[in-house]
Amino acid sequence: MTEIYLGLGSNLGDKRKNLENAIYLCHKLIGVFKANSRFMHSAPWGFQSDNSFLNAVIVLETPHSAELCLQIANAIEREMGRVRTGEPGYHDRIIDIDILQYGDEIIDLPHLQVPHPLMLQREFVLRPMAELAPSLVHPVVRKTYKELLDDFLKAQQSAMSNLQ
């Protein structure tokens, strides 16, 4: 069994219900549910939308490979009504499920990068990861999620100070 951290996000419909349904389906299909972070509101990241997001991170124990977990997560997204248009960039979505970390493995495949390559740029990922697993070490940068969140917030504060 491997600990897998999944990032969940929704910005369409009943966002809370979407996250709760995704958590249930991930538990049912991917592995044994261990915990989830608090739900966190965030602005769209990487695209413009009038719809804010509700995000969370969950941790499961899974017997499946990371690649199979990705296939299952994509199937859950489709089952919940997510439509991938094939257009480049980010779009509004009923549900998004990302593999953030899979044990301490580093995976670099064309269709799967773990740890998630953009997670260090996203407060809506770092904050719930630091809440769930503050002492868990990111396998690439070799810092804890508490340290990574602190670094992110300091950099954000410094950038805001430079704008004033």
Protein backbone atom coordinates (compact mmCIF):
# COMPACT_ATOMS: atom_id res chain seq x y z
CA MET A 1 0.00 0.00 0.00
CA THR A 2 1.23 3.46 -0.91
CA GLU A 3 0.12 6.82 0.45
CA ILE A 4 -1.26 8.98 -2.33
CA TYR A 5 -2.14 12.66 -2.01
CA LEU A 6 -4.76 13.95 -4.41
CA GLY A 7 -5.65 17.57 -5.08
CA LEU A 8 -9.32 18.22 -5.74
CA GLY A 9 -10.87 21.33 -7.24
CA SER A 10 -14.28 22.43 -8.48
CA ASN A 11 -15.55 25.74 -9.83
CA LEU A 12 -18.89 24.76 -11.36
CA GLY A 13 -22.20 23.73 -9.81
CA ASP A 14 -22.43 22.76 -6.15
CA LYS A 15 -18.70 22.85 -5.47
CA ARG A 16 -18.89 21.40 -1.96
CA LYS A 17 -21.06 18.51 -3.16
CA ASN A 18 -18.69 17.95 -6.08
CA LEU A 19 -15.71 17.65 -3.71
CA GLU A 20 -17.64 15.39 -1.34
CA ASN A 21 -18.66 13.12 -4.25
CA ALA A 22 -15.08 13.02 -5.54
CA ILE A 23 -13.78 12.11 -2.07
CA TYR A 24 -16.33 9.28 -1.83
CA LEU A 25 -15.47 7.94 -5.30
CA CYS A 26 -11.72 8.18 -4.70
CA HIS A 27 -12.16 6.20 -1.49
CA LYS A 28 -14.35 3.64 -3.23
CA LEU A 29 -12.12 3.19 -6.30
CA ILE A 30 -8.56 4.26 -5.46
CA GLY A 31 -7.93 3.29 -1.85
CA VAL A 32 -8.58 3.55 1.85
CA PHE A 33 -9.44 7.10 2.90
CA LYS A 34 -7.15 8.47 5.61
CA ALA A 35 -7.91 12.20 5.81
CA ASN A 36 -8.87 15.33 3.95
CA SER A 37 -7.90 18.94 4.42
CA ARG A 38 -10.35 21.70 5.04
CA PHE A 39 -12.02 23.04 1.92
CA MET A 40 -10.35 26.20 0.64
CA HIS A 41 -11.65 28.89 -1.70
CA SER A 42 -9.29 30.13 -4.39
CA ALA A 43 -9.30 32.24 -7.51
CA PRO A 44 -8.89 30.52 -10.88
CA TRP A 45 -5.22 29.77 -11.55
CA GLY A 46 -3.82 30.06 -15.05
CA PHE A 47 -7.03 31.31 -16.68
CA GLN A 48 -9.77 33.92 -16.34
CA SER A 49 -13.19 32.96 -14.98
CA ASP A 50 -15.97 34.49 -12.93
CA ASN A 51 -16.20 31.19 -11.02
CA SER A 52 -13.97 30.77 -7.96
CA PHE A 53 -12.72 27.34 -6.93
CA LEU A 54 -13.23 25.20 -3.89
CA ASN A 55 -10.17 23.02 -3.29
CA ALA A 56 -9.05 20.28 -0.94
CA VAL A 57 -6.36 17.64 -0.60
CA ILE A 58 -7.06 14.06 0.41
CA VAL A 59 -4.75 11.25 1.40
CA LEU A 60 -5.49 7.60 0.69
CA GLU A 61 -3.67 4.30 1.04
CA THR A 62 -3.74 2.61 -2.35
CA PRO A 63 -2.69 -0.80 -3.64
CA HIS A 64 -2.66 0.59 -7.20
CA SER A 65 0.18 1.99 -9.27
CA ALA A 66 0.32 5.72 -9.83
CA GLU A 67 -0.60 5.20 -13.49
CA LEU A 68 -3.69 3.19 -12.58
CA CYS A 69 -4.64 5.82 -9.98
CA LEU A 70 -4.43 8.45 -12.74
CA GLN A 71 -6.68 6.37 -15.00
CA ILE A 72 -9.19 5.94 -12.17
CA ALA A 73 -9.07 9.67 -11.30
CA ASN A 74 -9.72 10.55 -14.95
CA ALA A 75 -12.65 8.09 -15.02
CA ILE A 76 -14.08 9.68 -11.86
CA GLU A 77 -13.81 13.12 -13.48
CA ARG A 78 -15.69 11.85 -16.56
CA GLU A 79 -18.31 10.09 -14.41
CA MET A 80 -18.92 13.34 -12.54
CA GLY A 81 -19.43 15.23 -15.80
CA ARG A 82 -16.06 16.75 -16.61
CA VAL A 83 -15.61 17.24 -20.33
CA ARG A 84 -12.11 17.68 -21.70
CA THR A 85 -12.40 19.67 -24.91
CA GLY A 86 -8.83 19.15 -26.06
CA GLU A 87 -8.36 22.91 -26.19
CA PRO A 88 -5.06 24.06 -24.67
CA GLY A 89 -5.00 25.78 -21.29
CA TYR A 90 -7.21 25.62 -18.22
CA HIS A 91 -10.99 25.86 -18.21
CA ASP A 92 -13.91 25.84 -15.77
CA ARG A 93 -14.58 22.33 -14.46
CA ILE A 94 -17.01 20.39 -12.33
CA ILE A 95 -14.12 18.45 -10.83
CA ASP A 96 -10.38 18.23 -11.20
CA ILE A 97 -8.36 15.47 -9.54
CA ASP A 98 -4.56 15.72 -9.58
CA ILE A 99 -2.02 13.31 -8.18
CA LEU A 100 0.17 15.51 -6.00
CA GLN A 101 2.43 12.93 -4.39
CA TYR A 102 2.64 9.13 -4.60
CA GLY A 103 4.71 7.79 -1.72
CA ASP A 104 8.16 9.25 -2.17
CA GLU A 105 8.31 8.32 -5.86
CA ILE A 106 9.41 10.64 -8.62
CA ILE A 107 7.60 9.84 -11.86
CA ASP A 108 8.32 11.61 -15.14
CA LEU A 109 6.20 10.25 -17.97
CA PRO A 110 4.58 12.19 -20.82
CA HIS A 111 1.13 11.75 -19.25
CA LEU A 112 2.07 11.73 -15.55
CA GLN A 113 4.51 13.81 -13.51
CA VAL A 114 4.69 13.16 -9.77
CA PRO A 115 5.13 15.10 -7.60
CA HIS A 116 2.80 17.42 -9.46
CA PRO A 117 5.09 19.85 -11.30
CA LEU A 118 3.08 23.00 -10.51
CA MET A 119 2.20 22.32 -6.88
CA LEU A 120 4.95 24.56 -5.49
CA GLN A 121 3.37 27.54 -7.27
CA ARG A 122 -0.12 26.99 -5.86
CA GLU A 123 -1.17 28.10 -2.40
CA PHE A 124 -4.40 26.10 -2.78
CA VAL A 125 -2.21 22.97 -2.88
CA LEU A 126 0.57 23.91 -0.45
CA ARG A 127 -1.74 25.12 2.33
CA PRO A 128 -3.83 21.90 2.49
CA MET A 129 -0.72 19.74 2.10
CA ALA A 130 0.89 21.57 5.04
CA GLU A 131 -2.33 21.08 7.02
CA LEU A 132 -2.54 17.33 6.33
CA ALA A 133 1.14 16.42 6.33
CA PRO A 134 3.33 19.28 7.61
CA SER A 135 6.38 17.05 8.07
CA LEU A 136 6.01 15.09 4.81
CA VAL A 137 9.01 15.75 2.58
CA HIS A 138 8.61 16.71 -1.08
CA PRO A 139 10.77 14.08 -2.85
CA VAL A 140 12.34 16.51 -5.34
CA VAL A 141 13.09 19.67 -3.34
CA ARG A 142 13.62 17.72 -0.08
CA LYS A 143 11.71 20.20 2.12
CA THR A 144 8.67 19.59 4.27
CA TYR A 145 5.31 20.93 3.18
CA LYS A 146 5.33 23.27 6.18
CA GLU A 147 8.66 24.69 4.97
CA LEU A 148 7.37 24.91 1.40
CA LEU A 149 4.25 26.79 2.48
CA ASP A 150 6.32 29.16 4.63
CA ASP A 151 8.69 29.79 1.68
CA PHE A 152 5.73 30.41 -0.64
CA LEU A 153 4.09 32.86 1.76
CA LYS A 154 7.37 34.73 2.33
CA ALA A 155 7.93 35.03 -1.41
CA GLN A 156 4.36 36.23 -1.89
CA GLN A 157 4.78 38.80 0.91
CA SER A 158 8.08 39.97 -0.56
CA ALA A 159 6.49 40.36 -4.02
CA MET A 160 3.64 42.41 -2.51
CA SER A 161 6.14 44.64 -0.66
CA ASN A 162 8.03 45.24 -3.90
CA LEU A 163 4.83 46.41 -5.60
CA GLN A 164 4.17 49.08 -2.94
